[in-house]
Amino acid sequence: MLSLAVPPKTRALSSIALGIASAATLASPGHAVQLQQDFAGVYAPANWTLSNNNNNISDGNVDTASAPASITITGGDNDDFTTIGTTDYQTTAAASGQVSFDWNFSAPQAYYDGFGYLLNGNFNFLTDSSGSGSTQFNVLAGDIFGFGAITVYHFSGPVGPGNATISNFSAPVPGAPVPGPLPLLGVGAAFGYSRRLRRRINLATGPVSSASGSSDQL
């Protein structure tokens, strides 16, 4: 009985083919995250909620006339010297990623009005006097986030409430599926190639007959 050694090159090719097929089988497609620019799409004003909170502070509002490019939040302006209130404008994160925006805040009564952003009910203070800036923070899909104007011991009258204009807004949205390393056809081809290599190896290591023989073409 004659035994034929399996050439190292053949063993290597078989291992490579099996490795490719296994990797392609295990790989699964993902999803790229994209950014929605401005107050549009899932972040259009219709998908946000306005609320005035705490006692007598009930007349804050949001002006969306300049959307999708920008919106303006105006804090409460009630006659009250005993109440701290907030005007909140919030929505739900459509995907995980970064929220960014520019802001310009006007505070006629410095230290009595303020502005910041909200994330899952937590207020993150940005300013209590007139000014501008750029802010970024991260969200997870399903988080509740937005903007808030604070009214602290406010007098109504000629001075007026604080207001914040938010522009250059962007927030994450789900992107298109990202394919795995190999398409399904490539996986099948890799498995087929691997099977032919393994069959050739088995034939090469089996008994040799002078009466009959068979061969496979790669």
N, C-alpha and C. Protein backbone atom coordinates (compact mmCIF):
# COMPACT_ATOMS: atom_id res chain seq x y z
N MET A 1 0.86 -1.19 0.00
CA MET A 1 0.00 0.00 0.00
C MET A 1 0.89 1.24 0.00
N LEU A 2 0.56 2.13 -0.85
CA LEU A 2 1.37 3.34 -1.02
C LEU A 2 0.63 4.52 -0.41
N SER A 3 1.30 5.23 0.44
CA SER A 3 0.71 6.43 1.05
C SER A 3 1.34 7.66 0.44
N LEU A 4 0.50 8.60 0.12
CA LEU A 4 0.98 9.86 -0.45
C LEU A 4 0.88 10.97 0.58
N ALA A 5 1.96 11.67 0.75
CA ALA A 5 1.96 12.80 1.70
C ALA A 5 1.15 13.95 1.11
N VAL A 6 0.43 14.67 1.97
CA VAL A 6 -0.33 15.83 1.52
C VAL A 6 0.61 17.03 1.45
N PRO A 7 0.75 17.60 0.25
CA PRO A 7 1.67 18.73 0.11
C PRO A 7 1.31 19.86 1.07
N PRO A 8 2.33 20.51 1.66
CA PRO A 8 2.06 21.63 2.58
C PRO A 8 1.19 22.71 1.94
N LYS A 9 1.40 22.99 0.67
CA LYS A 9 0.63 24.04 -0.01
C LYS A 9 -0.85 23.70 -0.02
N THR A 10 -1.16 22.38 -0.25
CA THR A 10 -2.55 21.96 -0.27
C THR A 10 -3.18 22.12 1.10
N ARG A 11 -2.43 21.73 2.17
CA ARG A 11 -2.94 21.88 3.53
C ARG A 11 -3.20 23.35 3.84
N ALA A 12 -2.31 24.20 3.41
CA ALA A 12 -2.47 25.64 3.68
C ALA A 12 -3.69 26.20 2.97
N LEU A 13 -3.86 25.81 1.70
CA LEU A 13 -5.02 26.31 0.95
C LEU A 13 -6.32 25.85 1.58
N SER A 14 -6.34 24.59 2.05
CA SER A 14 -7.55 24.07 2.70
C SER A 14 -7.87 24.86 3.95
N SER A 15 -6.85 25.14 4.75
CA SER A 15 -7.06 25.90 5.99
C SER A 15 -7.56 27.31 5.70
N ILE A 16 -6.98 27.94 4.68
CA ILE A 16 -7.40 29.29 4.32
C ILE A 16 -8.85 29.31 3.89
N ALA A 17 -9.22 28.34 3.02
CA ALA A 17 -10.60 28.29 2.54
C ALA A 17 -11.58 28.09 3.68
N LEU A 18 -11.25 27.16 4.61
CA LEU A 18 -12.12 26.92 5.75
C LEU A 18 -12.21 28.14 6.65
N GLY A 19 -11.09 28.82 6.83
CA GLY A 19 -11.08 30.02 7.67
C GLY A 19 -11.93 31.13 7.09
N ILE A 20 -11.84 31.32 5.77
CA ILE A 20 -12.64 32.35 5.12
C ILE A 20 -14.11 32.04 5.25
N ALA A 21 -14.47 30.78 5.00
CA ALA A 21 -15.88 30.39 5.07
C ALA A 21 -16.41 30.57 6.48
N SER A 22 -15.62 30.17 7.50
CA SER A 22 -16.08 30.30 8.88
C SER A 22 -16.25 31.75 9.26
N ALA A 23 -15.29 32.61 8.89
CA ALA A 23 -15.38 34.03 9.23
C ALA A 23 -16.59 34.66 8.57
N ALA A 24 -16.84 34.31 7.32
CA ALA A 24 -17.98 34.88 6.61
C ALA A 24 -19.29 34.43 7.23
N THR A 25 -19.33 33.19 7.72
CA THR A 25 -20.56 32.69 8.33
C THR A 25 -20.85 33.40 9.64
N LEU A 26 -19.79 33.65 10.44
CA LEU A 26 -19.97 34.26 11.75
C LEU A 26 -20.24 35.76 11.66
N ALA A 27 -19.74 36.42 10.62
CA ALA A 27 -19.90 37.87 10.53
C ALA A 27 -21.36 38.23 10.28
N SER A 28 -21.81 39.29 10.93
CA SER A 28 -23.18 39.76 10.73
C SER A 28 -23.17 41.23 10.39
N PRO A 29 -24.12 41.67 9.57
CA PRO A 29 -24.15 43.07 9.18
C PRO A 29 -24.41 43.98 10.37
N GLY A 30 -23.88 45.22 10.33
CA GLY A 30 -24.15 46.24 11.34
C GLY A 30 -24.89 47.40 10.71
N HIS A 31 -25.02 48.48 11.46
CA HIS A 31 -25.69 49.67 10.96
C HIS A 31 -24.81 50.89 11.23
N ALA A 32 -24.59 51.68 10.21
CA ALA A 32 -23.84 52.92 10.37
C ALA A 32 -24.76 53.97 10.98
N VAL A 33 -24.21 54.84 11.81
CA VAL A 33 -24.98 55.93 12.39
C VAL A 33 -24.73 57.19 11.58
N GLN A 34 -25.79 57.86 11.21
CA GLN A 34 -25.69 59.10 10.46
C GLN A 34 -26.21 60.25 11.32
N LEU A 35 -25.97 61.48 10.89
CA LEU A 35 -26.44 62.65 11.61
C LEU A 35 -27.50 63.38 10.81
N GLN A 36 -28.58 63.71 11.49
CA GLN A 36 -29.62 64.55 10.89
C GLN A 36 -29.24 66.00 11.15
N GLN A 37 -29.12 66.76 10.08
CA GLN A 37 -28.76 68.17 10.21
C GLN A 37 -30.02 69.02 10.35
N ASP A 38 -29.98 69.99 11.26
CA ASP A 38 -31.07 70.94 11.49
C ASP A 38 -32.30 70.25 12.10
N PHE A 39 -33.31 71.06 12.36
CA PHE A 39 -34.55 70.56 12.97
C PHE A 39 -35.46 70.03 11.87
N ALA A 40 -35.11 68.86 11.35
CA ALA A 40 -35.83 68.26 10.23
C ALA A 40 -35.90 66.76 10.44
N GLY A 41 -36.66 66.06 9.57
CA GLY A 41 -36.77 64.61 9.67
C GLY A 41 -37.37 64.20 11.01
N VAL A 42 -36.75 63.22 11.68
CA VAL A 42 -37.26 62.77 12.98
C VAL A 42 -37.08 63.84 14.06
N TYR A 43 -36.28 64.87 13.78
CA TYR A 43 -36.08 65.95 14.74
C TYR A 43 -36.77 67.25 14.32
N ALA A 44 -37.77 67.13 13.46
CA ALA A 44 -38.58 68.29 13.08
C ALA A 44 -39.37 68.77 14.31
N PRO A 45 -39.74 70.06 14.38
CA PRO A 45 -40.45 70.59 15.56
C PRO A 45 -41.67 69.78 15.97
N ALA A 46 -42.37 69.16 15.02
CA ALA A 46 -43.56 68.38 15.36
C ALA A 46 -43.25 67.21 16.28
N ASN A 47 -41.99 66.79 16.34
CA ASN A 47 -41.60 65.64 17.15
C ASN A 47 -40.98 66.03 18.49
N TRP A 48 -41.12 67.31 18.86
CA TRP A 48 -40.63 67.80 20.15
C TRP A 48 -41.82 68.16 21.04
N THR A 49 -41.58 68.19 22.34
CA THR A 49 -42.63 68.53 23.30
C THR A 49 -42.21 69.72 24.14
N LEU A 50 -43.09 70.70 24.26
CA LEU A 50 -42.85 71.90 25.07
C LEU A 50 -43.57 71.74 26.41
N SER A 51 -42.87 72.06 27.50
CA SER A 51 -43.51 72.02 28.82
C SER A 51 -42.97 73.15 29.69
N ASN A 52 -43.88 73.78 30.43
CA ASN A 52 -43.52 74.78 31.43
C ASN A 52 -43.71 74.15 32.81
N ASN A 53 -42.69 74.24 33.65
CA ASN A 53 -42.71 73.51 34.92
C ASN A 53 -42.52 74.42 36.13
N ASN A 54 -43.08 74.00 37.23
CA ASN A 54 -42.91 74.62 38.54
C ASN A 54 -43.79 75.84 38.76
N ASN A 55 -44.84 75.61 39.49
CA ASN A 55 -45.70 76.66 40.01
C ASN A 55 -46.21 77.64 38.97
N ASN A 56 -45.87 78.93 39.14
CA ASN A 56 -46.50 79.97 38.32
C ASN A 56 -45.80 80.24 36.99
N ILE A 57 -44.66 79.61 36.76
CA ILE A 57 -43.94 79.87 35.51
C ILE A 57 -44.62 79.05 34.41
N SER A 58 -45.48 79.68 33.65
CA SER A 58 -46.30 78.91 32.71
C SER A 58 -46.41 79.55 31.33
N ASP A 59 -45.68 80.63 31.11
CA ASP A 59 -45.87 81.33 29.83
C ASP A 59 -44.63 81.30 28.94
N GLY A 60 -43.69 80.38 29.19
CA GLY A 60 -42.56 80.22 28.28
C GLY A 60 -43.04 79.61 26.97
N ASN A 61 -42.27 79.81 25.90
CA ASN A 61 -42.69 79.30 24.60
C ASN A 61 -41.50 79.02 23.70
N VAL A 62 -41.77 78.38 22.58
CA VAL A 62 -40.74 78.10 21.57
C VAL A 62 -41.23 78.62 20.22
N ASP A 63 -40.39 79.40 19.57
CA ASP A 63 -40.69 79.94 18.24
C ASP A 63 -39.97 79.06 17.21
N THR A 64 -40.74 78.38 16.35
CA THR A 64 -40.16 77.49 15.35
C THR A 64 -40.29 78.06 13.93
N ALA A 65 -40.57 79.37 13.83
CA ALA A 65 -40.77 79.98 12.51
C ALA A 65 -39.53 79.89 11.63
N SER A 66 -38.34 79.85 12.25
CA SER A 66 -37.10 79.79 11.48
C SER A 66 -36.60 78.37 11.26
N ALA A 67 -37.37 77.39 11.73
CA ALA A 67 -36.99 75.99 11.49
C ALA A 67 -37.12 75.67 9.99
N PRO A 68 -36.27 74.77 9.48
CA PRO A 68 -35.40 73.86 10.24
C PRO A 68 -34.04 74.43 10.64
N ALA A 69 -33.72 75.65 10.21
CA ALA A 69 -32.38 76.19 10.48
C ALA A 69 -32.17 76.48 11.97
N SER A 70 -33.20 76.99 12.67
CA SER A 70 -33.04 77.35 14.07
C SER A 70 -34.39 77.41 14.76
N ILE A 71 -34.34 77.39 16.09
CA ILE A 71 -35.52 77.61 16.93
C ILE A 71 -35.12 78.58 18.04
N THR A 72 -36.09 79.21 18.68
CA THR A 72 -35.81 80.12 19.78
C THR A 72 -36.71 79.77 20.97
N ILE A 73 -36.09 79.54 22.12
CA ILE A 73 -36.81 79.24 23.35
C ILE A 73 -36.85 80.50 24.21
N THR A 74 -38.03 80.86 24.68
CA THR A 74 -38.21 82.02 25.55
C THR A 74 -38.71 81.55 26.91
N GLY A 75 -38.04 81.98 27.97
CA GLY A 75 -38.42 81.58 29.32
C GLY A 75 -39.67 82.29 29.79
N GLY A 76 -40.14 81.90 30.97
CA GLY A 76 -41.34 82.50 31.55
C GLY A 76 -41.13 83.95 31.94
N ASP A 77 -42.26 84.71 32.03
CA ASP A 77 -42.19 86.13 32.35
C ASP A 77 -43.37 86.52 33.25
N ASN A 78 -43.72 85.65 34.19
CA ASN A 78 -44.83 85.93 35.09
C ASN A 78 -44.41 86.89 36.20
N ASP A 79 -45.41 87.57 36.80
CA ASP A 79 -45.17 88.39 37.99
C ASP A 79 -44.99 87.48 39.18
N ASP A 80 -43.77 87.20 39.55
CA ASP A 80 -43.53 86.32 40.67
C ASP A 80 -42.10 86.51 41.16
N PHE A 81 -41.95 86.64 42.46
CA PHE A 81 -40.61 86.79 43.02
C PHE A 81 -40.28 85.63 43.96
N THR A 82 -41.07 84.57 43.87
CA THR A 82 -40.88 83.45 44.79
C THR A 82 -40.72 82.12 44.06
N THR A 83 -40.68 82.14 42.75
CA THR A 83 -40.74 80.88 42.00
C THR A 83 -39.54 80.71 41.07
N ILE A 84 -39.01 79.51 41.03
CA ILE A 84 -38.02 79.12 40.04
C ILE A 84 -38.71 78.17 39.07
N GLY A 85 -38.70 78.49 37.79
CA GLY A 85 -39.38 77.64 36.82
C GLY A 85 -38.52 77.37 35.60
N THR A 86 -38.94 76.40 34.82
CA THR A 86 -38.21 76.05 33.60
C THR A 86 -39.17 75.90 32.43
N THR A 87 -38.68 76.24 31.26
CA THR A 87 -39.39 75.99 30.01
C THR A 87 -38.55 74.99 29.23
N ASP A 88 -39.08 73.79 29.04
CA ASP A 88 -38.32 72.69 28.45
C ASP A 88 -38.87 72.33 27.07
N TYR A 89 -37.95 71.98 26.16
CA TYR A 89 -38.30 71.57 24.80
C TYR A 89 -37.51 70.30 24.53
N GLN A 90 -38.20 69.13 24.44
CA GLN A 90 -37.50 67.85 24.43
C GLN A 90 -38.02 66.91 23.34
N THR A 91 -37.16 65.95 22.98
CA THR A 91 -37.51 64.92 22.01
C THR A 91 -36.78 63.63 22.38
N THR A 92 -36.95 62.59 21.57
CA THR A 92 -36.34 61.28 21.82
C THR A 92 -35.23 61.02 20.82
N ALA A 93 -34.09 60.55 21.31
CA ALA A 93 -32.96 60.22 20.42
C ALA A 93 -33.32 59.03 19.55
N ALA A 94 -33.18 59.18 18.23
CA ALA A 94 -33.52 58.12 17.29
C ALA A 94 -32.42 57.07 17.17
N ALA A 95 -31.20 57.40 17.61
CA ALA A 95 -30.07 56.47 17.55
C ALA A 95 -29.02 56.95 18.55
N SER A 96 -28.02 56.13 18.77
CA SER A 96 -26.93 56.52 19.68
C SER A 96 -25.89 57.32 18.91
N GLY A 97 -25.35 58.35 19.55
CA GLY A 97 -24.34 59.18 18.90
C GLY A 97 -24.24 60.53 19.57
N GLN A 98 -23.72 61.49 18.83
CA GLN A 98 -23.47 62.82 19.39
C GLN A 98 -24.52 63.84 18.93
N VAL A 99 -24.97 64.65 19.88
CA VAL A 99 -25.82 65.80 19.60
C VAL A 99 -24.94 67.04 19.68
N SER A 100 -25.07 67.94 18.73
CA SER A 100 -24.29 69.18 18.77
C SER A 100 -25.16 70.35 18.32
N PHE A 101 -24.85 71.53 18.82
CA PHE A 101 -25.62 72.72 18.45
C PHE A 101 -24.86 73.98 18.85
N ASP A 102 -25.17 75.09 18.17
CA ASP A 102 -24.71 76.41 18.56
C ASP A 102 -25.84 77.12 19.28
N TRP A 103 -25.52 77.97 20.23
CA TRP A 103 -26.55 78.70 20.96
C TRP A 103 -26.16 80.16 21.17
N ASN A 104 -27.19 80.98 21.21
CA ASN A 104 -27.02 82.41 21.50
C ASN A 104 -28.09 82.80 22.49
N PHE A 105 -27.66 83.21 23.68
CA PHE A 105 -28.61 83.48 24.77
C PHE A 105 -28.63 84.97 25.11
N SER A 106 -29.83 85.49 25.23
CA SER A 106 -30.03 86.89 25.63
C SER A 106 -30.69 86.91 27.00
N ALA A 107 -30.04 87.51 27.98
CA ALA A 107 -30.54 87.55 29.35
C ALA A 107 -30.67 89.00 29.80
N PRO A 108 -31.83 89.62 29.60
CA PRO A 108 -32.02 91.01 30.02
C PRO A 108 -31.77 91.22 31.51
N GLN A 109 -32.09 90.21 32.32
CA GLN A 109 -31.83 90.29 33.75
C GLN A 109 -30.78 89.23 34.10
N ALA A 110 -29.52 89.60 34.04
CA ALA A 110 -28.44 88.65 34.30
C ALA A 110 -28.62 88.00 35.67
N TYR A 111 -28.33 86.70 35.74
CA TYR A 111 -28.42 85.87 36.94
C TYR A 111 -29.86 85.52 37.32
N TYR A 112 -30.84 86.09 36.61
CA TYR A 112 -32.23 85.75 36.88
C TYR A 112 -32.83 84.91 35.76
N ASP A 113 -32.07 84.69 34.72
CA ASP A 113 -32.48 83.83 33.62
C ASP A 113 -31.29 82.93 33.26
N GLY A 114 -31.56 81.76 32.76
CA GLY A 114 -30.48 80.85 32.41
C GLY A 114 -30.88 79.92 31.27
N PHE A 115 -29.89 79.22 30.73
CA PHE A 115 -30.12 78.31 29.62
C PHE A 115 -29.20 77.11 29.74
N GLY A 116 -29.68 75.94 29.28
CA GLY A 116 -28.87 74.74 29.28
C GLY A 116 -29.54 73.65 28.46
N TYR A 117 -28.97 72.44 28.51
CA TYR A 117 -29.59 71.32 27.80
C TYR A 117 -30.03 70.26 28.80
N LEU A 118 -30.99 69.46 28.39
CA LEU A 118 -31.56 68.40 29.23
C LEU A 118 -31.19 67.03 28.67
N LEU A 119 -30.93 66.09 29.57
CA LEU A 119 -30.68 64.71 29.16
C LEU A 119 -31.29 63.79 30.22
N ASN A 120 -32.36 63.09 29.81
CA ASN A 120 -33.06 62.18 30.70
C ASN A 120 -33.46 62.83 32.02
N GLY A 121 -33.99 64.05 31.92
CA GLY A 121 -34.50 64.75 33.09
C GLY A 121 -33.47 65.56 33.86
N ASN A 122 -32.20 65.44 33.50
CA ASN A 122 -31.15 66.19 34.18
C ASN A 122 -30.81 67.46 33.41
N PHE A 123 -30.83 68.61 34.11
CA PHE A 123 -30.52 69.89 33.48
C PHE A 123 -29.02 70.15 33.57
N ASN A 124 -28.42 70.45 32.44
CA ASN A 124 -26.99 70.75 32.35
C ASN A 124 -26.82 72.23 32.02
N PHE A 125 -26.41 72.99 33.01
CA PHE A 125 -26.35 74.45 32.93
C PHE A 125 -25.27 74.91 31.94
N LEU A 126 -25.61 75.89 31.10
CA LEU A 126 -24.65 76.47 30.17
C LEU A 126 -24.35 77.94 30.47
N THR A 127 -25.36 78.76 30.81
CA THR A 127 -25.11 80.17 31.06
C THR A 127 -26.26 80.82 31.82
N ASP A 128 -25.96 81.89 32.56
CA ASP A 128 -27.01 82.70 33.18
C ASP A 128 -26.82 84.18 32.84
N SER A 129 -26.10 84.44 31.75
CA SER A 129 -25.94 85.81 31.26
C SER A 129 -25.84 85.76 29.74
N SER A 130 -25.99 86.91 29.10
CA SER A 130 -25.98 86.95 27.63
C SER A 130 -24.66 86.42 27.09
N GLY A 131 -24.74 85.64 26.03
CA GLY A 131 -23.54 85.09 25.43
C GLY A 131 -23.89 84.05 24.38
N SER A 132 -22.86 83.39 23.85
CA SER A 132 -23.06 82.37 22.82
C SER A 132 -22.00 81.29 22.97
N GLY A 133 -22.23 80.17 22.30
CA GLY A 133 -21.28 79.08 22.38
C GLY A 133 -21.70 77.90 21.53
N SER A 134 -20.91 76.83 21.59
CA SER A 134 -21.20 75.57 20.90
C SER A 134 -21.11 74.45 21.92
N THR A 135 -22.02 73.49 21.83
CA THR A 135 -22.08 72.41 22.83
C THR A 135 -22.28 71.07 22.13
N GLN A 136 -21.65 70.03 22.68
CA GLN A 136 -21.82 68.66 22.19
C GLN A 136 -22.02 67.74 23.39
N PHE A 137 -22.85 66.73 23.24
CA PHE A 137 -23.00 65.69 24.26
C PHE A 137 -23.50 64.43 23.58
N ASN A 138 -23.31 63.30 24.24
CA ASN A 138 -23.67 62.00 23.66
C ASN A 138 -25.01 61.50 24.19
N VAL A 139 -25.73 60.79 23.34
CA VAL A 139 -27.01 60.18 23.71
C VAL A 139 -27.02 58.72 23.28
N LEU A 140 -27.88 57.95 23.91
CA LEU A 140 -28.18 56.58 23.50
C LEU A 140 -29.57 56.57 22.86
N ALA A 141 -29.79 55.64 21.97
CA ALA A 141 -31.11 55.53 21.34
C ALA A 141 -32.18 55.39 22.43
N GLY A 142 -33.23 56.22 22.33
CA GLY A 142 -34.30 56.19 23.31
C GLY A 142 -34.15 57.21 24.43
N ASP A 143 -32.98 57.85 24.55
CA ASP A 143 -32.81 58.90 25.56
C ASP A 143 -33.74 60.08 25.26
N ILE A 144 -34.16 60.77 26.31
CA ILE A 144 -34.94 61.99 26.17
C ILE A 144 -34.00 63.17 26.37
N PHE A 145 -33.91 64.04 25.38
CA PHE A 145 -32.99 65.18 25.49
C PHE A 145 -33.64 66.43 24.93
N GLY A 146 -33.03 67.56 25.19
CA GLY A 146 -33.57 68.81 24.66
C GLY A 146 -32.92 70.03 25.29
N PHE A 147 -33.65 71.12 25.35
CA PHE A 147 -33.13 72.40 25.81
C PHE A 147 -34.05 72.97 26.87
N GLY A 148 -33.48 73.79 27.77
CA GLY A 148 -34.29 74.36 28.83
C GLY A 148 -33.90 75.81 29.13
N ALA A 149 -34.91 76.66 29.32
CA ALA A 149 -34.70 78.04 29.75
C ALA A 149 -35.18 78.16 31.19
N ILE A 150 -34.36 78.75 32.06
CA ILE A 150 -34.69 78.89 33.48
C ILE A 150 -35.17 80.30 33.77
N THR A 151 -36.20 80.40 34.60
CA THR A 151 -36.66 81.68 35.11
C THR A 151 -36.50 81.65 36.64
N VAL A 152 -35.71 82.58 37.18
CA VAL A 152 -35.43 82.60 38.61
C VAL A 152 -35.92 83.92 39.20
N TYR A 153 -36.91 83.86 40.09
CA TYR A 153 -37.42 85.05 40.76
C TYR A 153 -37.66 86.18 39.76
N HIS A 154 -38.52 85.92 38.80
CA HIS A 154 -38.64 86.81 37.65
C HIS A 154 -39.70 87.89 37.84
N PHE A 155 -39.37 89.11 37.37
CA PHE A 155 -40.35 90.19 37.27
C PHE A 155 -40.76 90.33 35.82
N SER A 156 -42.05 90.51 35.56
CA SER A 156 -42.48 90.85 34.20
C SER A 156 -42.35 92.36 34.03
N GLY A 157 -42.57 92.82 32.85
CA GLY A 157 -42.48 94.25 32.61
C GLY A 157 -41.55 94.57 31.47
N PRO A 158 -40.96 95.76 31.47
CA PRO A 158 -40.18 96.21 30.32
C PRO A 158 -38.88 95.45 30.11
N VAL A 159 -38.37 94.80 31.15
CA VAL A 159 -37.08 94.10 30.99
C VAL A 159 -37.23 92.89 30.08
N GLY A 160 -38.24 92.06 30.33
CA GLY A 160 -38.49 90.91 29.47
C GLY A 160 -37.76 89.66 29.90
N PRO A 161 -38.16 88.50 29.36
CA PRO A 161 -37.57 87.21 29.73
C PRO A 161 -36.29 86.91 28.96
N GLY A 162 -35.58 85.88 29.39
CA GLY A 162 -34.43 85.41 28.64
C GLY A 162 -34.86 84.54 27.48
N ASN A 163 -34.07 84.53 26.42
CA ASN A 163 -34.38 83.65 25.29
C ASN A 163 -33.11 83.14 24.64
N ALA A 164 -33.20 81.92 24.12
CA ALA A 164 -32.04 81.25 23.51
C ALA A 164 -32.39 80.79 22.11
N THR A 165 -31.52 81.13 21.15
CA THR A 165 -31.67 80.67 19.78
C THR A 165 -30.69 79.52 19.54
N ILE A 166 -31.19 78.39 19.09
CA ILE A 166 -30.36 77.21 18.83
C ILE A 166 -30.28 77.00 17.33
N SER A 167 -29.06 76.89 16.81
CA SER A 167 -28.83 76.70 15.37
C SER A 167 -27.74 75.65 15.16
N ASN A 168 -27.50 75.32 13.88
CA ASN A 168 -26.50 74.30 13.53
C ASN A 168 -26.68 73.04 14.36
N PHE A 169 -27.92 72.66 14.55
CA PHE A 169 -28.26 71.47 15.34
C PHE A 169 -28.03 70.21 14.51
N SER A 170 -27.52 69.17 15.14
CA SER A 170 -27.43 67.85 14.51
C SER A 170 -27.56 66.79 15.58
N ALA A 171 -28.16 65.65 15.21
CA ALA A 171 -28.38 64.55 16.16
C ALA A 171 -28.38 63.24 15.38
N PRO A 172 -28.09 62.12 16.06
CA PRO A 172 -27.93 60.83 15.35
C PRO A 172 -29.25 60.22 14.89
N VAL A 173 -29.19 59.57 13.74
CA VAL A 173 -30.30 58.78 13.20
C VAL A 173 -29.73 57.47 12.67
N PRO A 174 -30.54 56.41 12.60
CA PRO A 174 -30.04 55.14 12.08
C PRO A 174 -29.63 55.28 10.62
N GLY A 175 -28.50 54.64 10.26
CA GLY A 175 -28.03 54.67 8.88
C GLY A 175 -28.41 53.39 8.15
N ALA A 176 -27.90 53.25 6.94
CA ALA A 176 -28.14 52.07 6.12
C ALA A 176 -27.35 50.88 6.67
N PRO A 177 -27.83 49.64 6.47
CA PRO A 177 -27.09 48.46 6.93
C PRO A 177 -25.71 48.39 6.30
N VAL A 178 -24.73 47.96 7.09
CA VAL A 178 -23.37 47.76 6.60
C VAL A 178 -23.17 46.27 6.36
N PRO A 179 -22.88 45.83 5.13
CA PRO A 179 -22.75 44.39 4.86
C PRO A 179 -21.55 43.78 5.55
N GLY A 180 -21.63 42.46 5.77
CA GLY A 180 -20.51 41.74 6.35
C GLY A 180 -19.36 41.64 5.38
N PRO A 181 -18.24 40.98 5.77
CA PRO A 181 -17.05 40.91 4.92
C PRO A 181 -17.28 40.26 3.56
N LEU A 182 -18.17 39.23 3.50
CA LEU A 182 -18.42 38.54 2.24
C LEU A 182 -19.92 38.44 2.01
N PRO A 183 -20.38 38.62 0.77
CA PRO A 183 -21.79 38.38 0.48
C PRO A 183 -22.09 36.89 0.55
N LEU A 184 -23.39 36.53 0.55
CA LEU A 184 -23.79 35.13 0.67
C LEU A 184 -23.18 34.27 -0.42
N LEU A 185 -23.12 34.78 -1.66
CA LEU A 185 -22.55 34.02 -2.76
C LEU A 185 -21.09 33.71 -2.49
N GLY A 186 -20.37 34.66 -1.91
CA GLY A 186 -18.96 34.44 -1.58
C GLY A 186 -18.79 33.37 -0.53
N VAL A 187 -19.71 33.31 0.45
CA VAL A 187 -19.64 32.28 1.47
C VAL A 187 -19.80 30.90 0.85
N GLY A 188 -20.80 30.73 -0.06
CA GLY A 188 -21.03 29.45 -0.72
C GLY A 188 -19.82 29.02 -1.54
N ALA A 189 -19.22 29.97 -2.25
CA ALA A 189 -18.06 29.65 -3.07
C ALA A 189 -16.90 29.18 -2.20
N ALA A 190 -16.73 29.84 -1.04
CA ALA A 190 -15.63 29.46 -0.16
C ALA A 190 -15.83 28.05 0.38
N PHE A 191 -17.07 27.72 0.77
CA PHE A 191 -17.34 26.37 1.26
C PHE A 191 -17.12 25.33 0.16
N GLY A 192 -17.58 25.65 -1.08
CA GLY A 192 -17.41 24.70 -2.18
C GLY A 192 -15.94 24.44 -2.47
N TYR A 193 -15.15 25.48 -2.48
CA TYR A 193 -13.72 25.35 -2.73
C TYR A 193 -13.07 24.51 -1.64
N SER A 194 -13.50 24.74 -0.37
CA SER A 194 -12.94 23.98 0.74
C SER A 194 -13.27 22.50 0.61
N ARG A 195 -14.52 22.18 0.22
CA ARG A 195 -14.91 20.78 0.09
C ARG A 195 -14.12 20.07 -1.00
N ARG A 196 -13.89 20.74 -2.12
CA ARG A 196 -13.11 20.11 -3.20
C ARG A 196 -11.67 19.84 -2.76
N LEU A 197 -11.09 20.77 -1.98
CA LEU A 197 -9.73 20.57 -1.50
C LEU A 197 -9.66 19.38 -0.54
N ARG A 198 -10.65 19.30 0.36
CA ARG A 198 -10.65 18.20 1.33
C ARG A 198 -10.82 16.85 0.62
N ARG A 199 -11.68 16.79 -0.42
CA ARG A 199 -11.88 15.54 -1.15
C ARG A 199 -10.61 15.11 -1.86
N ARG A 200 -9.90 16.07 -2.42
CA ARG A 200 -8.65 15.75 -3.13
C ARG A 200 -7.62 15.21 -2.15
N ILE A 201 -7.62 15.82 -0.93
CA ILE A 201 -6.67 15.35 0.09
C ILE A 201 -6.99 13.91 0.49
N ASN A 202 -8.28 13.60 0.69
CA ASN A 202 -8.68 12.25 1.08
C ASN A 202 -8.30 11.22 0.02
N LEU A 203 -8.49 11.58 -1.26
CA LEU A 203 -8.13 10.66 -2.34
C LEU A 203 -6.62 10.43 -2.37
N ALA A 204 -5.88 11.51 -2.09
CA ALA A 204 -4.43 11.40 -2.16
C ALA A 204 -3.88 10.52 -1.05
N THR A 205 -4.56 10.48 0.10
CA THR A 205 -4.05 9.70 1.23
C THR A 205 -4.63 8.28 1.28
N GLY A 206 -5.56 7.95 0.37
CA GLY A 206 -6.15 6.61 0.36
C GLY A 206 -5.32 5.64 -0.46
N PRO A 207 -5.77 4.34 -0.57
CA PRO A 207 -5.02 3.31 -1.34
C PRO A 207 -5.01 3.62 -2.84
N VAL A 208 -3.91 3.23 -3.48
CA VAL A 208 -3.76 3.45 -4.91
C VAL A 208 -4.05 2.14 -5.65
N SER A 209 -4.95 2.16 -6.63
CA SER A 209 -5.30 0.95 -7.39
C SER A 209 -4.83 1.11 -8.83
N SER A 210 -4.25 -0.01 -9.37
CA SER A 210 -3.80 0.03 -10.76
C SER A 210 -4.92 -0.28 -11.74
N ALA A 211 -6.05 -0.81 -11.17
CA ALA A 211 -7.15 -1.20 -12.05
C ALA A 211 -8.06 -0.01 -12.38
N SER A 212 -8.25 0.88 -11.42
CA SER A 212 -9.14 2.01 -11.66
C SER A 212 -8.65 3.22 -10.90
N GLY A 213 -9.10 4.33 -11.24
CA GLY A 213 -8.71 5.57 -10.58
C GLY A 213 -9.73 6.65 -10.84
N SER A 214 -9.70 7.64 -10.07
CA SER A 214 -10.60 8.78 -10.27
C SER A 214 -9.85 10.06 -9.97
N SER A 215 -10.30 11.09 -10.53
CA SER A 215 -9.66 12.38 -10.32
C SER A 215 -10.72 13.46 -10.27
N ASP A 216 -10.44 14.52 -9.56
CA ASP A 216 -11.33 15.69 -9.49
C ASP A 216 -10.54 16.90 -9.95
N GLN A 217 -11.24 17.69 -10.67
CA GLN A 217 -10.62 18.94 -11.13
C GLN A 217 -11.03 20.05 -10.19
N LEU A 218 -10.06 20.87 -9.83
CA LEU A 218 -10.33 22.05 -8.99
C LEU A 218 -11.05 23.07 -9.78
